[in-house]
Amino acid sequence: MGVGAGAHGRLLVGDVRYATATERNPEKWAEKTMAKGSGLVTNDELTWEEESDEYLVMGLRLREGISPKRYQQLSGRALDQKQIDELGDIGFVEILKNGNLRVTDKGWPVLDAVVADLAM
């Protein structure tokens, strides 16, 4: 949940996930909050495709990586094992003992390219 000026958040309400963002300018955020009870400027419902894309993009930035099974549940499709193997062979990704996929230190500088390759 994002709180305050310029905050971004993701909220799950029932079965629906929302992407939220608030006014960036602190003075405008305060004015909007006082007038409307909220400084929200964005409150969009995310599709399952958008949610799975965010999981991939944001999760691979974490040291614990992502669960390929969770990605498949969100997106309705499995990550391409051949692509994972190729990225692993060049040292950009690795599979952890718990089955999670993560970007290695070598892969970190090219993270956007790794994500693009996996999202294909």
Protein backbone atom coordinates (compact mmCIF):
# COMPACT_ATOMS: atom_id res chain seq x y z
CA MET A 1 0.00 0.00 0.00
CA GLY A 2 1.48 3.34 -1.03
CA VAL A 3 1.00 6.16 1.45
CA GLY A 4 1.98 9.80 1.01
CA ALA A 5 2.95 12.12 -1.82
CA GLY A 6 4.31 10.27 -4.85
CA ALA A 7 3.56 6.84 -3.41
CA HIS A 8 2.75 3.85 -5.60
CA GLY A 9 1.01 0.76 -4.36
CA ARG A 10 -0.71 -2.46 -5.24
CA LEU A 11 -3.86 -3.41 -3.38
CA LEU A 12 -5.76 -6.67 -3.52
CA VAL A 13 -9.48 -6.16 -2.90
CA GLY A 14 -11.30 -9.46 -3.10
CA ASP A 15 -9.93 -11.06 -6.27
CA VAL A 16 -9.01 -7.77 -7.95
CA ARG A 17 -5.57 -6.14 -7.79
CA TYR A 18 -5.33 -2.39 -8.21
CA ALA A 19 -2.37 -0.23 -9.16
CA THR A 20 -2.45 3.05 -7.24
CA ALA A 21 -0.41 6.23 -7.39
CA THR A 22 -0.74 9.49 -5.52
CA GLU A 23 -0.02 13.09 -6.46
CA ARG A 24 3.75 13.63 -6.52
CA ASN A 25 3.83 17.26 -5.46
CA PRO A 26 3.53 17.33 -1.63
CA GLU A 27 1.52 20.57 -1.56
CA LYS A 28 -0.90 19.38 -4.25
CA TRP A 29 -1.13 15.98 -2.55
CA ALA A 30 -2.08 17.68 0.75
CA GLU A 31 -4.66 19.89 -0.98
CA LYS A 32 -6.20 16.92 -2.79
CA THR A 33 -6.21 14.84 0.39
CA MET A 34 -7.93 17.58 2.37
CA ALA A 35 -10.50 18.22 -0.38
CA LYS A 36 -11.25 14.64 -1.46
CA GLY A 37 -9.95 12.47 1.37
CA SER A 38 -7.28 10.98 -0.87
CA GLY A 39 -4.33 12.08 -2.97
CA LEU A 40 -4.89 9.31 -5.52
CA VAL A 41 -4.29 10.13 -9.17
CA THR A 42 -4.33 6.51 -10.39
CA ASN A 43 -6.46 3.62 -9.22
CA ASP A 44 -6.42 1.10 -12.07
CA GLU A 45 -7.59 -2.49 -12.03
CA LEU A 46 -4.79 -4.76 -13.24
CA THR A 47 -5.44 -7.57 -15.68
CA TRP A 48 -3.93 -10.98 -14.93
CA GLU A 49 -1.45 -10.36 -17.75
CA GLU A 50 -0.35 -7.06 -16.20
CA GLU A 51 -0.12 -8.66 -12.78
CA SER A 52 2.05 -11.51 -14.07
CA ASP A 53 4.29 -9.04 -15.95
CA GLU A 54 4.75 -7.02 -12.76
CA TYR A 55 5.51 -10.17 -10.79
CA LEU A 56 8.24 -11.05 -13.28
CA VAL A 57 9.72 -7.54 -13.53
CA MET A 58 9.61 -6.72 -9.84
CA GLY A 59 10.29 -10.20 -8.49
CA LEU A 60 13.49 -10.68 -10.46
CA ARG A 61 14.84 -7.56 -8.77
CA LEU A 62 14.71 -9.40 -5.44
CA ARG A 63 17.43 -11.71 -4.13
CA GLU A 64 14.81 -14.42 -3.52
CA GLY A 65 13.67 -14.19 -7.15
CA ILE A 66 10.34 -15.54 -8.34
CA SER A 67 8.47 -18.79 -8.16
CA PRO A 68 7.99 -20.08 -11.72
CA LYS A 69 4.88 -21.91 -10.48
CA ARG A 70 3.40 -18.66 -9.16
CA TYR A 71 4.20 -16.95 -12.46
CA GLN A 72 2.37 -19.72 -14.30
CA GLN A 73 -0.63 -19.36 -11.98
CA LEU A 74 -0.78 -15.62 -12.64
CA SER A 75 -0.10 -15.63 -16.38
CA GLY A 76 -1.65 -18.92 -17.42
CA ARG A 77 1.59 -19.94 -19.12
CA ALA A 78 4.86 -21.42 -18.02
CA LEU A 79 8.19 -19.69 -18.46
CA ASP A 80 10.14 -21.18 -21.37
CA GLN A 81 12.53 -23.73 -19.85
CA LYS A 82 14.80 -23.50 -22.90
CA GLN A 83 15.13 -19.75 -22.36
CA ILE A 84 15.85 -20.26 -18.65
CA ASP A 85 18.51 -22.84 -19.54
CA GLU A 86 20.14 -20.51 -22.09
CA LEU A 87 20.20 -17.61 -19.62
CA GLY A 88 21.56 -19.99 -16.97
CA ASP A 89 24.29 -21.24 -19.30
CA ILE A 90 25.63 -17.71 -19.72
CA GLY A 91 25.36 -17.08 -15.99
CA PHE A 92 22.53 -14.54 -15.97
CA VAL A 93 19.98 -16.56 -13.96
CA GLU A 94 20.00 -19.43 -11.51
CA ILE A 95 17.50 -21.76 -9.88
CA LEU A 96 17.61 -21.74 -6.09
CA LYS A 97 17.15 -24.81 -3.89
CA ASN A 98 13.54 -23.81 -3.23
CA GLY A 99 12.87 -23.76 -7.01
CA ASN A 100 12.81 -19.98 -7.33
CA LEU A 101 14.38 -18.33 -10.34
CA ARG A 102 16.61 -15.35 -9.74
CA VAL A 103 18.99 -13.09 -11.60
CA THR A 104 22.67 -13.53 -10.73
CA ASP A 105 25.15 -10.76 -10.03
CA LYS A 106 26.38 -11.20 -13.61
CA GLY A 107 22.83 -10.85 -14.92
CA TRP A 108 21.96 -7.80 -12.84
CA PRO A 109 23.48 -5.20 -15.23
CA VAL A 110 21.36 -6.63 -18.08
CA LEU A 111 18.23 -7.27 -16.01
CA ASP A 112 15.88 -5.56 -18.47
CA ALA A 113 17.12 -7.81 -21.27
CA VAL A 114 16.77 -10.90 -19.06
CA VAL A 115 13.18 -9.94 -18.22
CA ALA A 116 12.43 -9.31 -21.90
CA ASP A 117 13.84 -12.71 -22.84
CA LEU A 118 11.80 -14.50 -20.18
CA ALA A 119 8.59 -12.60 -20.97
CA MET A 120 8.59 -13.70 -24.62
